[in-house]
C-alpha atoms as a PDB file:
ATOM      1  CA  GLN A   1       0.170  -0.227   0.190  1.00  0.00           C
ATOM      2  CA  VAL A   2       0.998   3.489  -0.627  1.00  0.00           C
ATOM      3  CA  ARG A   3       1.044   6.447   2.620  1.00  0.00           C
ATOM      4  CA  LEU A   4       0.046  10.008   1.776  1.00  0.00           C
ATOM      5  CA  THR A   5       1.117  12.874   3.500  1.00  0.00           C
ATOM      6  CA  GLU A   6       0.226  16.445   2.584  1.00  0.00           C
ATOM      7  CA  LEU A   7       3.103  19.331   3.436  1.00  0.00           C
ATOM      8  CA  GLY A   8       2.862  23.210   2.787  1.00  0.00           C
ATOM      9  CA  GLY A   9      -0.694  24.349   3.785  1.00  0.00           C
ATOM     10  CA  GLY A  10      -0.900  27.717   5.683  1.00  0.00           C
ATOM     11  CA  LEU A  11      -2.268  31.440   5.740  1.00  0.00           C
ATOM     12  CA  VAL A  12      -1.680  33.274   2.353  1.00  0.00           C
ATOM     13  CA  GLN A  13      -3.233  36.483   1.393  1.00  0.00           C
ATOM     14  CA  ALA A  14      -5.555  37.138  -1.741  1.00  0.00           C
ATOM     15  CA  GLY A  15      -3.470  37.237  -4.753  1.00  0.00           C
ATOM     16  CA  GLY A  16      -0.638  35.130  -3.412  1.00  0.00           C
ATOM     17  CA  SER A  17       0.558  31.597  -4.082  1.00  0.00           C
ATOM     18  CA  LEU A  18       1.646  28.420  -2.418  1.00  0.00           C
ATOM     19  CA  ARG A  19       2.954  25.091  -3.159  1.00  0.00           C
ATOM     20  CA  LEU A  20       1.535  22.295  -1.521  1.00  0.00           C
ATOM     21  CA  ALA A  21       3.573  18.912  -1.722  1.00  0.00           C
ATOM     22  CA  CYS A  22       2.274  15.061  -1.165  1.00  0.00           C
ATOM     23  CA  LEU A  23       5.267  12.895   0.240  1.00  0.00           C
ATOM     24  CA  VAL A  24       4.611   9.272  -0.963  1.00  0.00           C
ATOM     25  CA  SER A  25       5.868   6.283   0.810  1.00  0.00           C
ATOM     26  CA  GLY A  26       5.007   2.537   0.892  1.00  0.00           C
ATOM     27  CA  ARG A  27       4.748   0.978  -2.616  1.00  0.00           C
ATOM     28  CA  THR A  28       6.002   3.748  -4.609  1.00  0.00           C
ATOM     29  CA  ASP A  29       6.683   0.919  -7.091  1.00  0.00           C
ATOM     30  CA  ILE A  30       2.967   1.012  -8.253  1.00  0.00           C
ATOM     31  CA  ASN A  31       1.434   3.354 -11.351  1.00  0.00           C
ATOM     32  CA  TYR A  32      -1.030   4.552  -9.447  1.00  0.00           C
ATOM     33  CA  PHE A  33      -3.148   7.603 -10.514  1.00  0.00           C
ATOM     34  CA  MET A  34      -2.291  10.159  -7.575  1.00  0.00           C
ATOM     35  CA  ALA A  35      -4.803  13.240  -7.488  1.00  0.00           C
ATOM     36  CA  TRP A  36      -5.690  16.545  -5.294  1.00  0.00           C
ATOM     37  CA  PHE A  37      -8.772  17.180  -3.775  1.00  0.00           C
ATOM     38  CA  ARG A  38     -10.318  20.045  -1.713  1.00  0.00           C
ATOM     39  CA  GLN A  39     -12.940  20.721   0.848  1.00  0.00           C
ATOM     40  CA  ALA A  40     -14.256  23.700   2.231  1.00  0.00           C
ATOM     41  CA  PRO A  41     -16.403  23.874   5.248  1.00  0.00           C
ATOM     42  CA  GLY A  42     -19.949  23.250   4.382  1.00  0.00           C
ATOM     43  CA  LYS A  43     -19.079  22.083   0.674  1.00  0.00           C
ATOM     44  CA  GLU A  44     -18.377  18.593  -0.667  1.00  0.00           C
ATOM     45  CA  ARG A  45     -14.907  17.492  -1.504  1.00  0.00           C
ATOM     46  CA  GLU A  46     -13.984  18.216  -5.212  1.00  0.00           C
ATOM     47  CA  PHE A  47     -11.604  17.017  -7.195  1.00  0.00           C
ATOM     48  CA  ILE A  48      -8.528  19.547  -8.337  1.00  0.00           C
ATOM     49  CA  ALA A  49      -6.181  17.478 -10.465  1.00  0.00           C
ATOM     50  CA  GLY A  50      -4.887  14.514 -10.931  1.00  0.00           C
ATOM     51  CA  MET A  51      -1.923  12.164 -12.912  1.00  0.00           C
ATOM     52  CA  ARG A  52      -0.311   9.196 -12.831  1.00  0.00           C
ATOM     53  CA  TRP A  53       2.471   8.394 -10.890  1.00  0.00           C
ATOM     54  CA  SER A  54       4.538   7.733 -14.117  1.00  0.00           C
ATOM     55  CA  GLY A  55       4.183  11.596 -14.855  1.00  0.00           C
ATOM     56  CA  ASP A  56       1.581  11.614 -17.563  1.00  0.00           C
ATOM     57  CA  SER A  57      -2.317  11.521 -18.140  1.00  0.00           C
ATOM     58  CA  THR A  58      -2.340  14.854 -16.377  1.00  0.00           C
ATOM     59  CA  ASN A  59      -5.840  16.278 -15.923  1.00  0.00           C
ATOM     60  CA  TYR A  60      -7.483  19.203 -14.474  1.00  0.00           C
ATOM     61  CA  ALA A  61     -10.727  20.029 -13.634  1.00  0.00           C
ATOM     62  CA  ASP A  62     -12.138  23.015 -15.321  1.00  0.00           C
ATOM     63  CA  SER A  63     -12.603  25.878 -12.832  1.00  0.00           C
ATOM     64  CA  PHE A  64      -8.732  25.219 -11.700  1.00  0.00           C
ATOM     65  CA  LYS A  65      -7.151  25.236 -15.244  1.00  0.00           C
ATOM     66  CA  GLY A  66      -4.703  28.257 -15.523  1.00  0.00           C
ATOM     67  CA  ARG A  67      -3.873  28.925 -11.821  1.00  0.00           C
ATOM     68  CA  PHE A  68      -3.269  25.326 -10.181  1.00  0.00           C
ATOM     69  CA  THR A  69      -0.480  23.006 -11.387  1.00  0.00           C
ATOM     70  CA  ILE A  70       0.099  19.495 -10.587  1.00  0.00           C
ATOM     71  CA  SER A  71       3.462  18.085 -10.763  1.00  0.00           C
ATOM     72  CA  ARG A  72       5.639  15.358  -9.583  1.00  0.00           C
ATOM     73  CA  ASP A  73       9.491  14.792  -8.338  1.00  0.00           C
ATOM     74  CA  ALA A  74       9.709  11.100  -8.674  1.00  0.00           C
ATOM     75  CA  GLY A  75      13.158  11.186  -7.482  1.00  0.00           C
ATOM     76  CA  LYS A  76      11.936  12.845  -4.211  1.00  0.00           C
ATOM     77  CA  ASN A  77       8.637  10.782  -3.943  1.00  0.00           C
ATOM     78  CA  THR A  78       6.528  14.019  -4.321  1.00  0.00           C
ATOM     79  CA  MET A  79       3.382  15.238  -5.973  1.00  0.00           C
ATOM     80  CA  SER A  80       3.270  18.497  -5.477  1.00  0.00           C
ATOM     81  CA  LEU A  81       0.157  21.463  -6.161  1.00  0.00           C
ATOM     82  CA  GLN A  82       1.345  24.717  -7.262  1.00  0.00           C
ATOM     83  CA  MET A  83      -1.502  27.500  -6.430  1.00  0.00           C
ATOM     84  CA  ILE A  84      -1.433  31.189  -7.835  1.00  0.00           C
ATOM     85  CA  ARG A  85      -3.686  33.688  -7.619  1.00  0.00           C
ATOM     86  CA  LEU A  86      -5.566  32.310  -4.621  1.00  0.00           C
ATOM     87  CA  LYS A  87      -8.377  33.516  -3.742  1.00  0.00           C
ATOM     88  CA  SER A  88     -10.661  33.532  -0.506  1.00  0.00           C
ATOM     89  CA  GLU A  89     -12.902  31.262  -1.599  1.00  0.00           C
ATOM     90  CA  ASP A  90      -9.721  28.736  -2.490  1.00  0.00           C
ATOM     91  CA  THR A  91     -10.227  28.661   1.139  1.00  0.00           C
ATOM     92  CA  ALA A  92     -10.354  24.838   2.112  1.00  0.00           C
ATOM     93  CA  VAL A  93      -8.812  21.242   3.191  1.00  0.00           C
ATOM     94  CA  TYR A  94      -6.566  19.851   0.777  1.00  0.00           C
ATOM     95  CA  TYR A  95      -5.878  16.250   0.064  1.00  0.00           C
ATOM     96  CA  CYS A  96      -3.650  13.939  -1.324  1.00  0.00           C
ATOM     97  CA  ALA A  97      -5.050  10.559  -2.751  1.00  0.00           C
ATOM     98  CA  ALA A  98      -4.619   7.992  -4.959  1.00  0.00           C
ATOM     99  CA  ARG A  99      -6.092   4.949  -6.344  1.00  0.00           C
ATOM    100  CA  THR A 100      -4.663   2.047  -8.347  1.00  0.00           C
ATOM    101  CA  LEU A 101      -5.078   2.080 -11.865  1.00  0.00           C
ATOM    102  CA  THR A 102      -7.505  -0.799 -11.868  1.00  0.00           C
ATOM    103  CA  ARG A 103     -10.212   1.055  -9.626  1.00  0.00           C
ATOM    104  CA  GLU A 104     -12.330   4.333  -9.646  1.00  0.00           C
ATOM    105  CA  ASP A 105     -12.407   4.982  -5.968  1.00  0.00           C
ATOM    106  CA  TYR A 106      -9.462   6.593  -4.169  1.00  0.00           C
ATOM    107  CA  GLY A 107      -8.117   4.026  -1.427  1.00  0.00           C
ATOM    108  CA  TYR A 108      -5.532   6.106  -0.080  1.00  0.00           C
ATOM    109  CA  TRP A 109      -5.781   9.464   1.143  1.00  0.00           C
ATOM    110  CA  GLY A 110      -3.387  11.912   3.322  1.00  0.00           C
ATOM    111  CA  GLN A 111      -5.025  13.628   6.812  1.00  0.00           C
ATOM    112  CA  GLY A 112      -5.026  16.762   4.547  1.00  0.00           C
ATOM    113  CA  THR A 113      -3.828  20.290   4.989  1.00  0.00           C
ATOM    114  CA  GLN A 114      -5.497  23.496   5.753  1.00  0.00           C
ATOM    115  CA  VAL A 115      -5.295  26.324   3.148  1.00  0.00           C
ATOM    116  CA  THR A 116      -6.721  29.740   4.168  1.00  0.00           C
ATOM    117  CA  VAL A 117      -6.580  32.875   2.075  1.00  0.00           C
ATOM    118  CA  SER A 118      -7.350  35.881   3.555  1.00  0.00           C
ATOM    119  CA  SER A 119      -8.900  38.615   1.769  1.00  0.00           C
END
């Protein structure tokens, strides 16, 4: 199995940038599909972006294209989410998740990291 740990959340002013990291440990030899989700207070969890651990098949939810960028550093076993031009509505808990390529549900989740954007 794989273990996921999110790093890099915090408080940022509107218009600023923040980079989140997801440290991946355990069975990193498996080509998981990795993703970032977020959940704001009182709202459902939403998909932001995902990619295969091999580095291909990147996709984004339309509402995040242009401001959020997903990437990975296999040498450091890390997946990142670069966020720019942050808005107060980006305030949420951000989660890293993984699933095997044969499943549609995400079976592995990190504990989440809080991002707060002040206006």
